[in-house]
Every structure is written in C-alpha cells, then in structure tokens.
Protein backbone atom coordinates (compact mmCIF):
# COMPACT_ATOMS: atom_id res chain seq x y z
CA UNK A 1 14.79 2.27 14.49
CA UNK A 2 16.59 5.36 15.85
CA UNK A 3 17.92 8.24 13.72
CA UNK A 4 21.48 8.29 12.46
CA UNK A 5 23.46 11.49 12.81
CA UNK A 6 23.42 12.31 9.08
CA UNK A 7 21.92 9.50 6.99
CA UNK A 8 18.29 8.79 7.86
CA UNK A 9 17.19 5.88 10.05
CA UNK A 10 19.66 3.44 11.57
CA UNK A 11 21.93 3.47 14.58
CA UNK A 12 24.33 6.45 15.00
CA UNK A 13 26.55 6.11 11.93
CA UNK A 14 25.65 2.55 10.88
CA UNK A 15 22.79 1.69 8.49
CA UNK A 16 20.31 -1.11 9.22
CA UNK A 17 18.16 -3.42 7.11
CA UNK A 18 14.92 -1.49 7.55
CA UNK A 19 13.50 1.71 6.08
CA UNK A 20 11.06 4.42 7.12
CA UNK A 21 7.34 3.63 6.63
CA UNK A 22 5.65 4.94 3.48
CA UNK A 23 5.46 8.76 3.33
CA UNK A 24 7.03 9.25 6.74
CA UNK A 25 9.22 12.38 6.63
CA UNK A 26 11.96 12.86 9.23
CA UNK A 27 14.19 15.86 9.82
CA UNK A 28 17.27 15.48 12.03
CA UNK A 29 19.75 17.90 13.57
CA UNK A 30 22.83 16.54 15.31
CA UNK A 31 26.20 17.71 16.47
CA UNK A 32 29.17 17.12 18.74
CA UNK A 33 31.52 19.25 20.82
CA UNK A 34 35.22 19.39 19.95
CA UNK A 35 38.04 20.95 21.94
CA UNK A 36 41.69 20.42 21.01
CA UNK A 37 44.59 22.51 22.26
CA UNK A 38 46.48 21.65 19.07
CA UNK A 39 45.95 19.33 16.15
CA UNK A 40 48.25 17.36 13.88
CA UNK A 41 49.25 18.81 10.48
CA UNK A 42 50.11 16.88 7.29
CA UNK A 43 52.22 17.63 4.23
CA UNK A 44 51.31 16.93 0.62
CA UNK A 45 52.51 13.32 0.98
CA UNK A 46 50.21 12.63 3.93
CA UNK A 47 53.04 12.56 6.48
CA UNK A 48 52.59 14.20 9.86
CA UNK A 49 54.83 17.26 10.11
CA UNK A 50 53.94 18.70 13.49
CA UNK A 51 51.13 20.39 15.38
CA UNK A 52 49.10 23.39 14.37
CA UNK A 53 46.41 25.54 16.01
CA UNK A 54 43.73 23.71 17.97
CA UNK A 55 39.97 23.84 17.58
CA UNK A 56 37.14 24.65 19.98
CA UNK A 57 33.68 24.57 18.45
CA UNK A 58 30.44 22.66 17.98
CA UNK A 59 30.16 20.77 14.69
CA UNK A 60 26.58 20.21 13.53
CA UNK A 61 24.74 18.51 10.66
CA UNK A 62 21.22 18.35 9.28
CA UNK A 63 19.33 15.80 7.19
CA UNK A 64 15.89 15.26 5.67
CA UNK A 65 14.59 11.75 4.91
CA UNK A 66 11.40 10.26 3.44
CA UNK A 67 10.17 6.66 3.27
CA UNK A 68 8.54 5.34 0.09
CA UNK A 69 6.33 2.25 -0.32
CA UNK A 70 7.68 0.66 2.90
CA UNK A 71 10.64 -0.47 0.80
CA UNK A 72 12.80 2.57 -0.02
CA UNK A 73 14.26 5.41 2.04
CA UNK A 74 15.92 8.46 0.44
CA UNK A 75 17.23 11.71 1.80
CA UNK A 76 19.69 14.58 1.70
CA UNK A 77 22.14 15.97 4.23
CA UNK A 78 23.97 19.23 4.86
CA UNK A 79 27.06 18.57 6.92
CA UNK A 80 28.97 20.92 9.18
CA UNK A 81 26.35 23.67 9.31
CA UNK A 82 27.70 27.23 9.68
CA UNK A 83 31.13 26.00 8.61
CA UNK A 84 33.70 28.66 9.42
CA UNK A 85 36.54 27.28 7.32
CA UNK A 86 37.06 28.16 3.68
CA UNK A 87 36.13 24.61 2.70
CA UNK A 88 32.43 25.37 3.05
CA UNK A 89 29.63 22.89 3.62
CA UNK A 90 29.51 19.27 2.50
CA UNK A 91 26.27 18.19 0.81
CA UNK A 92 25.08 14.63 0.52
CA UNK A 93 22.36 12.34 -0.78
CA UNK A 94 21.64 8.84 0.46
CA UNK A 95 19.22 5.97 -0.05
CA UNK A 96 18.51 2.44 1.09
CA UNK A 97 16.45 -0.34 -0.51
CA UNK A 98 14.93 -3.05 1.68
CA UNK A 99 15.32 -6.44 0.03
CA UNK A 100 13.79 -8.61 2.72
CA UNK A 101 11.83 -7.91 5.88
CA UNK A 102 10.66 -10.55 8.35
CA UNK A 103 6.92 -10.59 9.06
CA UNK A 104 7.52 -10.96 12.79
CA UNK A 105 11.09 -11.44 13.99
CA UNK A 106 14.00 -12.71 11.96
CA UNK A 107 16.59 -11.51 9.48
CA UNK A 108 16.26 -8.46 7.22
CA UNK A 109 18.46 -7.51 4.26
CA UNK A 110 19.07 -4.17 2.53
CA UNK A 111 21.46 -2.39 0.20
CA UNK A 112 22.21 1.31 0.08
CA UNK A 113 24.55 4.12 -0.88
CA UNK A 114 25.72 7.51 0.34
CA UNK A 115 27.25 10.21 -1.84
CA UNK A 116 28.99 13.33 -0.48
CA UNK A 117 30.42 16.34 -2.27
CA UNK A 118 34.04 17.29 -1.74
CA UNK A 119 35.01 20.44 0.13
CA UNK A 120 37.01 23.02 -1.80
CA UNK A 121 39.76 25.29 -0.51
CA UNK A 122 40.51 27.20 -3.70
CA UNK A 123 44.03 25.82 -4.18
CA UNK A 124 43.36 23.47 -7.08
CA UNK A 125 43.77 20.30 -4.99
CA UNK A 126 41.13 17.58 -4.68
CA UNK A 127 39.81 16.90 -1.21
CA UNK A 128 37.77 14.07 0.31
CA UNK A 129 34.83 14.31 2.72
CA UNK A 130 35.56 12.84 6.15
CA UNK A 131 33.41 10.68 8.38
CA UNK A 132 32.81 13.51 10.89
CA UNK A 133 31.20 15.83 8.34
CA UNK A 134 33.38 18.94 8.53
CA UNK A 135 35.59 20.22 5.70
CA UNK A 136 39.13 19.07 6.50
CA UNK A 137 42.05 20.63 4.51
CA UNK A 138 44.33 17.76 5.60
CA UNK A 139 42.15 15.03 4.04
CA UNK A 140 42.99 15.00 0.34
CA UNK A 141 41.59 12.72 -2.34
CA UNK A 142 45.11 11.68 -3.39
CA UNK A 143 48.63 11.78 -2.02
CA UNK A 144 51.91 11.22 -3.83
CA UNK A 145 53.03 8.46 -1.45
CA UNK A 146 49.78 6.46 -1.21
CA UNK A 147 46.69 5.51 -3.17
CA UNK A 148 43.59 7.60 -3.69
CA UNK A 149 41.14 8.18 -0.85
CA UNK A 150 37.66 7.87 -2.32
CA UNK A 151 35.09 8.66 0.35
CA UNK A 152 32.61 10.45 -1.93
CA UNK A 153 30.60 7.33 -2.76
CA UNK A 154 29.91 4.65 -0.17
CA UNK A 155 27.99 1.55 -1.27
CA UNK A 156 27.01 -1.11 1.26
CA UNK A 157 25.01 -4.21 2.02
CA UNK A 158 23.62 -4.85 5.49
CA UNK A 159 21.81 -7.59 7.42
CA UNK A 160 19.88 -7.00 10.64
CA UNK A 161 18.47 -9.61 13.01
CA UNK A 162 15.21 -8.38 14.59
CA UNK A 163 14.47 -10.21 17.84
CA UNK A 164 11.83 -9.79 20.51
CA UNK A 165 13.38 -9.18 23.92
CA UNK A 166 12.64 -10.56 27.38
CA UNK A 167 9.06 -9.43 27.92
CA UNK A 168 6.98 -10.49 30.86
CA UNK A 169 6.73 -9.86 34.57
CA UNK A 170 7.61 -6.30 35.42
CA UNK A 171 9.74 -5.81 32.32
CA UNK A 172 8.35 -3.44 29.66
CA UNK A 173 8.08 -4.70 26.10
CA UNK A 174 11.51 -4.65 24.49
CA UNK A 175 13.13 -5.61 21.21
CA UNK A 176 16.73 -6.24 20.20
CA UNK A 177 18.49 -5.68 16.87
CA UNK A 178 21.89 -6.92 15.73
CA UNK A 179 23.44 -5.53 12.53
CA UNK A 180 26.38 -6.59 10.38
CA UNK A 181 27.38 -5.06 7.06
CA UNK A 182 30.12 -4.33 4.57
CA UNK A 183 30.68 -1.11 2.66
CA UNK A 184 33.09 0.83 0.48
CA UNK A 185 34.06 4.50 0.61
CA UNK A 186 33.48 6.03 4.03
CA UNK A 187 33.42 2.61 5.69
CA UNK A 188 37.03 1.79 4.76
CA UNK A 189 38.93 4.61 3.02
CA UNK A 190 41.48 6.73 4.91
CA UNK A 191 42.99 4.08 7.17
CA UNK A 192 46.42 4.71 5.62
CA UNK A 193 46.46 8.11 7.37
CA UNK A 194 47.46 7.63 10.98
CA UNK A 195 45.59 10.68 12.28
CA UNK A 196 42.36 9.54 10.57
CA UNK A 197 42.27 6.09 12.16
CA UNK A 198 42.82 2.40 11.56
CA UNK A 199 39.88 0.82 9.76
CA UNK A 200 38.33 -2.63 9.39
CA UNK A 201 38.53 -2.72 5.58
CA UNK A 202 34.81 -2.04 5.25
CA UNK A 203 33.12 -4.15 7.94
CA UNK A 204 30.72 -2.48 10.36
CA UNK A 205 28.39 -3.75 13.09
CA UNK A 206 25.95 -2.55 15.71
CA UNK A 207 23.38 -3.59 18.29
CA UNK A 208 20.38 -1.93 19.90
CA UNK A 209 17.85 -2.50 22.66
CA UNK A 210 14.50 -0.79 22.08
CA UNK A 211 12.20 -0.43 25.09
CA UNK A 212 8.53 0.56 24.93
CA UNK A 213 8.06 3.14 27.71
CA UNK A 214 4.39 3.84 26.92
CA UNK A 215 2.03 3.19 24.02
CA UNK A 216 3.48 6.24 22.26
CA UNK A 217 7.11 6.42 23.44
CA UNK A 218 10.20 4.34 22.81
CA UNK A 219 13.72 4.31 24.30
CA UNK A 220 16.60 3.04 22.16
CA UNK A 221 20.02 2.17 23.58
CA UNK A 222 22.67 1.40 20.98
CA UNK A 223 26.33 0.61 20.38
CA UNK A 224 28.10 0.34 17.04
CA UNK A 225 31.39 0.06 15.19
CA UNK A 226 31.38 2.07 11.95
CA UNK A 227 34.62 0.66 10.57
CA UNK A 228 36.78 3.09 12.57
CA UNK A 229 35.06 4.15 15.79
CA UNK A 230 33.02 2.56 18.56
CA UNK A 231 30.03 4.82 19.29
CA UNK A 232 27.33 4.53 21.95
CA UNK A 233 24.12 6.49 22.40
CA UNK A 234 20.54 6.69 23.59
CA UNK A 235 17.42 8.19 21.98
CA UNK A 236 13.88 8.71 23.27
CA UNK A 237 11.00 8.95 20.77
CA UNK A 238 7.64 10.39 21.85
CA UNK A 239 5.05 10.61 19.05
CA UNK A 240 7.80 11.13 16.46
CA UNK A 241 9.70 13.77 18.47
CA UNK A 242 13.11 12.28 19.18
CA UNK A 243 15.89 13.50 21.48
CA UNK A 244 19.22 11.77 21.91
CA UNK A 245 22.72 11.92 23.32
CA UNK A 246 25.76 10.06 22.05
CA UNK A 247 29.43 9.48 22.85
CA UNK A 248 31.60 8.94 19.79
CA UNK A 249 35.00 7.24 19.32
CA UNK A 250 35.12 5.68 22.78
CA UNK A 251 37.67 3.12 21.58
CA UNK A 252 40.44 5.69 21.09
CA UNK A 253 42.67 5.89 24.16
CA UNK A 254 44.36 9.12 25.15
CA UNK A 255 47.95 9.23 23.76
CA UNK A 256 50.87 10.26 26.03
CA UNK A 257 51.02 13.79 24.63
CA UNK A 258 47.25 14.29 24.62
CA UNK A 259 44.70 14.24 21.83
CA UNK A 260 45.74 15.92 18.58
CA UNK A 261 43.16 14.49 16.14
CA UNK A 262 39.43 15.17 15.96
CA UNK A 263 38.88 11.69 14.54
CA UNK A 264 40.70 9.84 17.33
CA UNK A 265 39.31 11.70 20.32
CA UNK A 266 36.10 10.76 22.22
CA UNK A 267 33.31 13.27 21.59
CA UNK A 268 30.01 14.08 23.29
CA UNK A 269 27.09 14.95 21.04
CA UNK A 270 23.35 15.58 20.95
CA UNK A 271 20.54 14.90 18.46
CA UNK A 272 17.05 16.19 17.81
CA UNK A 273 14.62 14.76 15.24
CA UNK A 274 10.99 15.22 14.29
CA UNK A 275 8.86 13.02 12.05
CA UNK A 276 5.61 13.65 10.19
CA UNK A 277 3.33 10.80 9.12
CA UNK A 278 0.62 11.94 6.64
CA UNK A 279 -0.96 8.46 6.74
CA UNK A 280 -1.49 8.57 10.51
CA UNK A 281 -4.13 10.36 12.57
CA UNK A 282 -3.10 13.96 13.20
CA UNK A 283 0.11 13.39 11.18
CA UNK A 284 1.60 12.01 14.40
CA UNK A 285 4.12 9.17 14.21
CA UNK A 286 3.65 6.55 16.87
CA UNK A 287 6.85 4.59 17.53
CA UNK A 288 6.17 0.90 17.08
CA UNK A 289 7.51 -2.16 18.81
CA UNK A 290 8.08 -5.40 16.95
CA UNK A 291 4.96 -7.40 16.15
CA UNK A 292 3.79 -9.53 19.07
CA UNK A 293 1.97 -12.52 17.59
CA UNK A 294 0.41 -15.17 19.74
CA UNK A 295 2.59 -18.23 20.37
CA UNK A 296 1.75 -21.27 18.29
CA UNK A 297 -1.25 -23.00 19.84
CA UNK A 298 -2.88 -26.29 19.02
CA UNK A 299 -6.54 -25.46 18.65
CA UNK A 300 -8.91 -28.28 19.54
CA UNK A 301 -11.92 -28.13 17.23
CA UNK A 302 -15.08 -27.01 19.03
CA UNK A 303 -17.58 -29.75 19.79
CA UNK A 304 -20.28 -30.16 17.15
CA UNK A 305 -23.21 -27.86 18.00
CA UNK A 306 -25.60 -30.82 18.13
CA UNK A 307 -23.93 -32.06 21.33
CA UNK A 308 -25.90 -29.44 23.23
CA UNK A 309 -29.25 -30.45 21.79
CA UNK A 310 -32.04 -30.96 24.31
CA UNK A 311 -34.90 -33.17 23.20
CA UNK A 312 -38.40 -32.77 24.60
CA UNK A 313 -40.20 -35.79 26.15
CA UNK A 314 -37.35 -38.02 24.96
CA UNK A 315 -38.37 -37.59 21.31
CA UNK A 316 -35.80 -36.65 18.68
CA UNK A 317 -36.46 -33.36 16.95
CA UNK A 318 -37.72 -33.55 13.36
CA UNK A 319 -35.29 -33.18 10.47
CA UNK A 320 -35.96 -30.10 8.37
CA UNK A 321 -34.33 -29.24 5.05
CA UNK A 322 -32.57 -25.96 4.35
CA UNK A 323 -29.91 -24.31 2.16
CA UNK A 324 -26.30 -25.17 3.19
CA UNK A 325 -24.27 -22.35 4.74
CA UNK A 326 -21.27 -21.81 7.04
CA UNK A 327 -20.71 -19.71 10.14
CA UNK A 328 -17.20 -18.46 10.97
CA UNK A 329 -16.32 -18.67 14.67
CA UNK A 330 -13.66 -16.66 16.50
CA UNK A 331 -11.58 -19.83 16.67
CA UNK A 332 -10.99 -19.41 12.95
CA UNK A 333 -13.14 -22.39 12.04
CA UNK A 334 -16.22 -22.61 9.86
CA UNK A 335 -19.28 -24.41 11.31
CA UNK A 336 -21.72 -25.97 8.84
CA UNK A 337 -25.40 -25.06 9.13
CA UNK A 338 -28.53 -24.63 6.97
CA UNK A 339 -30.91 -21.73 6.45
CA UNK A 340 -34.61 -22.38 5.74
CA UNK A 341 -36.86 -20.28 3.54
CA UNK A 342 -38.38 -18.78 6.68
CA UNK A 343 -34.94 -17.71 7.87
CA UNK A 344 -34.53 -20.36 10.59
CA UNK A 345 -30.96 -21.47 11.32
CA UNK A 346 -30.55 -25.23 11.53
CA UNK A 347 -27.49 -26.81 13.16
CA UNK A 348 -26.10 -30.29 13.66
CA UNK A 349 -26.66 -33.45 11.65
CA UNK A 350 -30.31 -33.49 12.81
CA UNK A 351 -30.78 -29.92 11.46
CA UNK A 352 -32.41 -28.55 14.58
CA UNK A 353 -33.61 -24.91 14.70
CA UNK A 354 -31.14 -23.02 16.85
CA UNK A 355 -34.01 -21.04 18.40
CA UNK A 356 -35.26 -24.20 20.14
CA UNK A 357 -31.93 -24.72 21.89
CA UNK A 358 -31.44 -21.35 23.53
CA UNK A 359 -30.28 -20.44 26.10
CA UNK A 360 -28.13 -23.55 26.42
CA UNK A 361 -26.56 -23.56 22.94
CA UNK A 362 -23.00 -22.23 22.92
CA UNK A 363 -20.27 -21.80 20.33
CA UNK A 364 -16.53 -21.89 20.92
CA UNK A 365 -14.47 -18.69 21.06
CA UNK A 366 -14.45 -15.19 22.51
CA UNK A 367 -16.49 -12.34 21.05
CA UNK A 368 -16.65 -8.55 21.34
CA UNK A 369 -20.43 -8.15 21.74
CA UNK A 370 -21.21 -6.66 25.13
CA UNK A 371 -17.66 -5.38 25.77
CA UNK A 372 -17.57 -1.69 26.69
CA UNK A 373 -14.77 -0.86 24.25
CA UNK A 374 -16.78 -2.38 21.39
CA UNK A 375 -20.23 -1.03 22.27
CA UNK A 376 -18.84 2.50 22.82
CA UNK A 377 -17.12 2.50 19.43
CA UNK A 378 -13.70 3.08 20.92
CA UNK A 379 -10.67 3.10 18.59
CA UNK A 380 -8.74 -0.17 18.72
CA UNK A 381 -4.98 0.21 19.17
CA UNK A 382 -3.29 -2.81 17.60
CA UNK A 383 0.42 -3.21 16.81
CA UNK A 384 0.96 0.46 17.56
CA UNK A 385 -1.65 1.79 15.11
CA UNK A 386 -5.20 3.15 15.55
CA UNK A 387 -8.09 1.28 13.90
CA UNK A 388 -11.69 2.52 13.77
CA UNK A 389 -14.99 0.77 12.96
CA UNK A 390 -15.92 0.60 9.30
CA UNK A 391 -19.48 -0.35 8.21
CA UNK A 392 -21.78 -2.69 10.14
CA UNK A 393 -20.99 -6.27 11.24
CA UNK A 394 -21.20 -8.85 8.45
CA UNK A 395 -20.56 -12.59 7.92
CA UNK A 396 -17.22 -13.79 6.58
CA UNK A 397 -15.61 -17.05 5.46
CA UNK A 398 -12.90 -18.26 7.87
CA UNK A 399 -10.88 -19.40 4.87
CA UNK A 400 -10.28 -15.77 3.92
CA UNK A 401 -8.78 -14.62 7.22
CA UNK A 402 -5.96 -15.55 9.59
CA UNK A 403 -5.47 -14.82 13.27
CA UNK A 404 -2.78 -12.15 13.87
CA UNK A 405 -3.16 -11.31 17.55
CA UNK A 406 -5.38 -10.53 20.50
CA UNK A 407 -7.14 -7.37 21.73
CA UNK A 408 -8.79 -7.18 25.15
CA UNK A 409 -9.13 -10.96 25.18
CA UNK A 410 -10.79 -11.12 21.74
CA UNK A 411 -8.90 -12.62 18.74
CA UNK A 412 -7.88 -10.25 15.93
CA UNK A 413 -7.81 -11.44 12.32
CA UNK A 414 -6.55 -10.10 9.00
CA UNK A 415 -6.90 -11.14 5.37
CA UNK A 416 -4.67 -14.14 4.64
CA UNK A 417 -2.68 -12.23 2.00
CA UNK A 418 -2.29 -9.02 4.05
CA UNK A 419 1.17 -7.58 4.69
CA UNK A 420 2.28 -5.58 7.70
CA UNK A 421 1.68 -2.86 8.60
CA UNK A 422 -1.95 -4.02 8.43
CA UNK A 423 -4.43 -1.67 6.75
CA UNK A 424 -7.51 -3.59 7.92
CA UNK A 425 -8.34 -6.00 10.76
CA UNK A 426 -11.42 -8.06 11.64
CA UNK A 427 -12.84 -8.71 15.12
CA UNK A 428 -15.57 -11.31 15.86
CA UNK A 429 -18.69 -9.68 17.31
CA UNK A 430 -20.74 -12.84 17.85
CA UNK A 431 -20.72 -16.26 16.17
CA UNK A 432 -20.88 -15.70 12.43
CA UNK A 433 -20.72 -11.88 12.55
CA UNK A 434 -17.58 -9.81 12.21
CA UNK A 435 -16.66 -6.12 12.51
CA UNK A 436 -14.18 -4.55 10.11
CA UNK A 437 -11.72 -1.99 11.51
CA UNK A 438 -9.64 0.21 9.23
CA UNK A 439 -6.39 1.96 10.00
CA UNK A 440 -6.72 5.71 10.52
CA UNK A 441 -10.55 5.69 10.70
CA UNK A 442 -11.98 7.59 13.66
C-alpha cells in the first residue's frame, strides 16, 4: 500500500486493513503549499467575526513507522515541521492491528488509533489538533456555545477489499483496493465549525489502483474521502524509495469572495518516503503485487506407469518383491513403487524394474532439471521475493506440500501449513526429487 501523509501505510489520510511487513521501517516526509490573501477569524464562542491576515507558506510533516510480526504497525509523527507560530509542533503516535488478511484476494479487517498532542499558545486555553497538522489558534478544544472538540484521540475500524485487476494482453499486472471505515476524533470532530468543514459523522472511504511497472517498481493511483475532504494522489515506489504528489480538498468549491480557510481550499502537495527491510537482500524493499495463484484446475491423474511397459518376445516380465515406497510428482500426486535390496526401482502392479523401460518410460508433470535457470543456480523471484537454493535435491511426500504457483513453466509448491509471505518454496527437479529454495538465500 502507499504511504499516508502522516500516519504510516494507507492511502493519503485514510487507513487501510493491512500493515507493513515484519521489521520494515519507513520514514515519510510530506507537505502542501498554502496561499491565502486573508483567512477567517473566530471569537471565543466559535463564531466567525471577520477576516485576518493571510498565510503563504509550505506546511510539512514527518513520520517514522515500523511493521511487527506482519500483524502490527506502529509509528510516531511530527506535524508542521519548522512551525513559525507560537503554537509549536504537534507530536503524534499511531498504530494499527490487522485482524484478518486474505491469503490471495478478498476482504481484510483492522483496527487502529491515532493520538496527537495539543498545541499551546500560552494563554491558558485548551486547543485541539487539526486534520492538516499545523497549530491553529482558532481551533479550541471547547467553546461556550457548542460541545467539546476532541481530536486528540482517534479510534477506528476499517475493512479493505483486495482485488486483482484486469491483467492480460498488453496490460501490466494491476491490483485494486476499496476501503470503508468508521472512526472517532479526527474523522468526525469539528464539523460544527463552518470554517473547518462539514463532516460525515465518522465515515471514511477510499480506493486505489496499484500497477506493477517493473519487477521492482509500483505505481499507485488513489482517491479518498477522509470524513471531510476528497483527496487524490499518485505515488511511485522503486525498491522502497517512494515519491508522490497529491491534491487535497478537491471537493471544496471556491466561494464568491474567494478562499478564506486553509481547510476548505484545494491544496497541492508532495511526498517522499524511504523504507528499509532488514529481512530482505541488501535491506532493499521490493514492492509487491497481490499474490497471483493459478486458476483452479481439474488435474487428471497421470496414467499408471505400467501402461508404458514394453515386454520382450511377448513374455510378461517377472514379478519381483521390494519394499513399498512413494514418489512425489510435480502434479502433486504420489506414485506407488517398490525398492529392492539392490536399489532397483520397481513400478506398476507387475513390479517391473524401471531401468528396463527406459527411454520410453515417462512420468506426468514439468520439472526443472536441464533448465538453464536451475542448472546455473540462479535466484528464483517468486511473488516479489528472492529465493535461493538450499541443500541438495531430496525426496518429499506430496501430502506435505501444496501447489502455490508457477515459475518458468515449472510448478512451485510450499508446505501445506505455510503462511504468506512464504519463507520456503519447493520446486520439482525430476520425478521424486525436489529442490528447496529459501527466502533471502543467495
């Protein structure tokens, strides 16, 4: 997912139902330009009393976020960097817990919270942090004529639908996400103040299209409604280095007398972010597309190996005893066979030595033996991660593994109980022999 302006991963100002991968650390700097000839002023009751001096400056924010156990994301933010007003900076902490994540595509669920400190202007009054990050002397925590404005703590729940896009043909791989959530605090407070904006009572939503440009770069196009504003933006991620541009509050039309509120004026902004992944090769963070699993296929069992038996002089081959064993094929099926004391492999109900059938004996499936990428020991790139060979080929029981994809025409398997992102994958080398590949091994 892209980087939010101040609160870790997400859209621009809207959280999503996913978190950063384990131990991924992301730092983000964002900001927007603001130019107002004059701006509205309020009295102690929250009523507009006229116009005061305008503002012409660049408001900027910074945040630092870390992912933990592929389930939790926590971070801190410093809002309105180099604040010139007497209100000073606004500090924040935030976190999100993933409750449910689809294995492939589907619905994800998460809960989270954001907490911001209040600015202080040295006059004994209590102030509230605003959704744009800067210290605002007009935004008080309480007014005599209306209820309290509590934007310090924002608690929310969010659901995100993760869907694969329209791949195929000349289209690059693309994913789509649709988010809907409800929150308190910043997502709904302040709508009683006309200059601050009319809210949705806590509901927020967003959508994104994520396009894989190359194996290590991703373009995200997004639109959202944060409870007050409609924001749009685009971000490009190349090996964890992310650059973006955004246009905020596009739903606020220009009033007859011109814009007089920072909150209700469209704003152009920029974003820069860098991520470090200690668990990845070179600490580089490869942006990942959604998992592309093979479509459901009805596999026809391979013909019994004895159907390719060739008898000599019309005589049936002799039956020989041996110890029962199985051989796992790349189709994901075990084939029964027997091994004699001399090491001969016997197949079929007649228990024929396989050596007497070559070169016409064949087993179902595709295998890596002989492929250049396998023989040269090249790293396998699967689901956006690098996997390297580990140990020598070995036999395995098909009941322990499950097909998860395809690489260069050869099926890729993982342990039945494995969770994504996969730490280990298995590739069939030849009938009965498998090569283990481990993530991050070179």
